[in-house]
Amino acid sequence: PDVYPGNCWAFKGSQGHLVIRLSMRIYPTAFTLEHIPKTLSPTGTITSAPRRFLVYGLDDEYQESGTLLGAYEYDQEGEPLQMFPVMV
């Protein structure tokens, strides 16, 4: 609901996976990723922000591999909310 430190989907370590199940099939045109800005970070840095990430489209949450929709990189020097267009 907000972008305050600690209100997030935190991953342990340097890698993680997230599956979001939707109620119906969609054809996305873009994805957004938001991280707290440096000004709200207790340390003044956002090294915990995701850097490189992949987005796959799956038919169901148990599918081993899906359709790669894009490979992206979050710019830690950019705006907190960044939009990434679907590449496929």
Protein backbone atom coordinates (compact mmCIF):
# COMPACT_ATOMS: atom_id res chain seq x y z
CA PRO A 1 0.00 0.00 0.00
CA ASP A 2 2.97 2.36 0.37
CA VAL A 3 6.72 2.62 -0.23
CA TYR A 4 7.97 2.90 3.33
CA PRO A 5 11.01 0.80 4.31
CA GLY A 6 9.99 -2.72 5.27
CA ASN A 7 6.66 -2.78 3.38
CA CYS A 8 7.86 -4.90 0.48
CA TRP A 9 8.35 -8.33 -0.98
CA ALA A 10 11.80 -8.94 0.47
CA PHE A 11 13.93 -11.80 -0.79
CA LYS A 12 16.60 -13.53 1.26
CA GLY A 13 19.93 -13.45 -0.59
CA SER A 14 20.66 -12.04 -4.00
CA GLN A 15 18.05 -13.98 -6.01
CA GLY A 16 14.37 -14.72 -5.73
CA HIS A 17 11.21 -15.67 -7.57
CA LEU A 18 7.75 -14.21 -7.43
CA VAL A 19 4.62 -15.67 -9.00
CA ILE A 20 1.51 -13.52 -9.29
CA ARG A 21 -1.64 -15.45 -10.12
CA LEU A 22 -4.32 -13.48 -11.96
CA SER A 23 -8.01 -14.37 -12.18
CA MET A 24 -7.98 -14.30 -15.98
CA ARG A 25 -5.57 -14.39 -18.91
CA ILE A 26 -4.09 -11.01 -19.83
CA TYR A 27 -1.76 -9.68 -22.49
CA PRO A 28 0.48 -7.20 -20.67
CA THR A 29 2.07 -4.28 -22.48
CA ALA A 30 4.37 -3.13 -19.67
CA PHE A 31 5.47 -3.83 -16.10
CA THR A 32 6.29 -1.39 -13.34
CA LEU A 33 8.69 -1.84 -10.48
CA GLU A 34 8.87 0.54 -7.54
CA HIS A 35 11.51 0.81 -4.81
CA ILE A 36 11.85 3.37 -2.08
CA PRO A 37 13.87 6.43 -3.07
CA LYS A 38 17.27 7.03 -1.52
CA THR A 39 15.80 9.91 0.48
CA LEU A 40 13.52 7.50 2.41
CA SER A 41 16.19 4.85 2.92
CA PRO A 42 17.60 4.72 6.46
CA THR A 43 21.11 4.27 5.00
CA GLY A 44 20.73 6.79 2.16
CA THR A 45 21.34 4.00 -0.38
CA ILE A 46 19.09 1.53 -2.18
CA THR A 47 21.50 -1.36 -2.72
CA SER A 48 18.62 -3.70 -1.85
CA ALA A 49 16.75 -2.62 -4.99
CA PRO A 50 16.47 -5.28 -7.69
CA ARG A 51 18.97 -4.74 -10.46
CA ARG A 52 18.47 -7.18 -13.30
CA PHE A 53 15.25 -9.15 -13.58
CA LEU A 54 13.35 -11.33 -16.03
CA VAL A 55 9.58 -11.51 -16.50
CA TYR A 56 7.96 -14.71 -17.77
CA GLY A 57 4.37 -15.40 -18.73
CA LEU A 58 3.08 -18.70 -17.35
CA ASP A 59 -0.11 -20.62 -18.01
CA ASP A 60 -0.19 -21.74 -14.36
CA GLU A 61 1.94 -21.41 -11.23
CA TYR A 62 3.29 -24.95 -11.57
CA GLN A 63 4.72 -24.50 -15.05
CA GLU A 64 8.50 -25.12 -15.07
CA SER A 65 9.26 -22.58 -17.78
CA GLY A 66 7.20 -19.97 -19.56
CA THR A 67 7.42 -17.35 -22.27
CA LEU A 68 10.11 -14.77 -21.65
CA LEU A 69 8.39 -11.38 -21.86
CA GLY A 70 11.51 -9.34 -21.21
CA ALA A 71 14.85 -8.88 -19.50
CA TYR A 72 15.18 -5.60 -17.63
CA GLU A 73 17.43 -3.55 -15.38
CA TYR A 74 16.21 -1.25 -12.62
CA ASP A 75 18.12 2.05 -12.63
CA GLN A 76 19.01 2.84 -9.00
CA GLU A 77 19.79 6.41 -10.05
CA GLY A 78 16.42 6.80 -11.79
CA GLU A 79 12.91 7.45 -10.55
CA PRO A 80 11.57 5.17 -7.77
CA LEU A 81 8.73 3.96 -10.03
CA GLN A 82 10.02 2.65 -13.36
CA MET A 83 8.09 1.20 -16.30
CA PHE A 84 9.39 -1.56 -18.57
CA PRO A 85 7.63 -2.37 -21.86
CA VAL A 86 7.01 -5.99 -22.84
CA MET A 87 9.76 -6.99 -25.27
CA VAL A 88 7.92 -9.92 -26.87
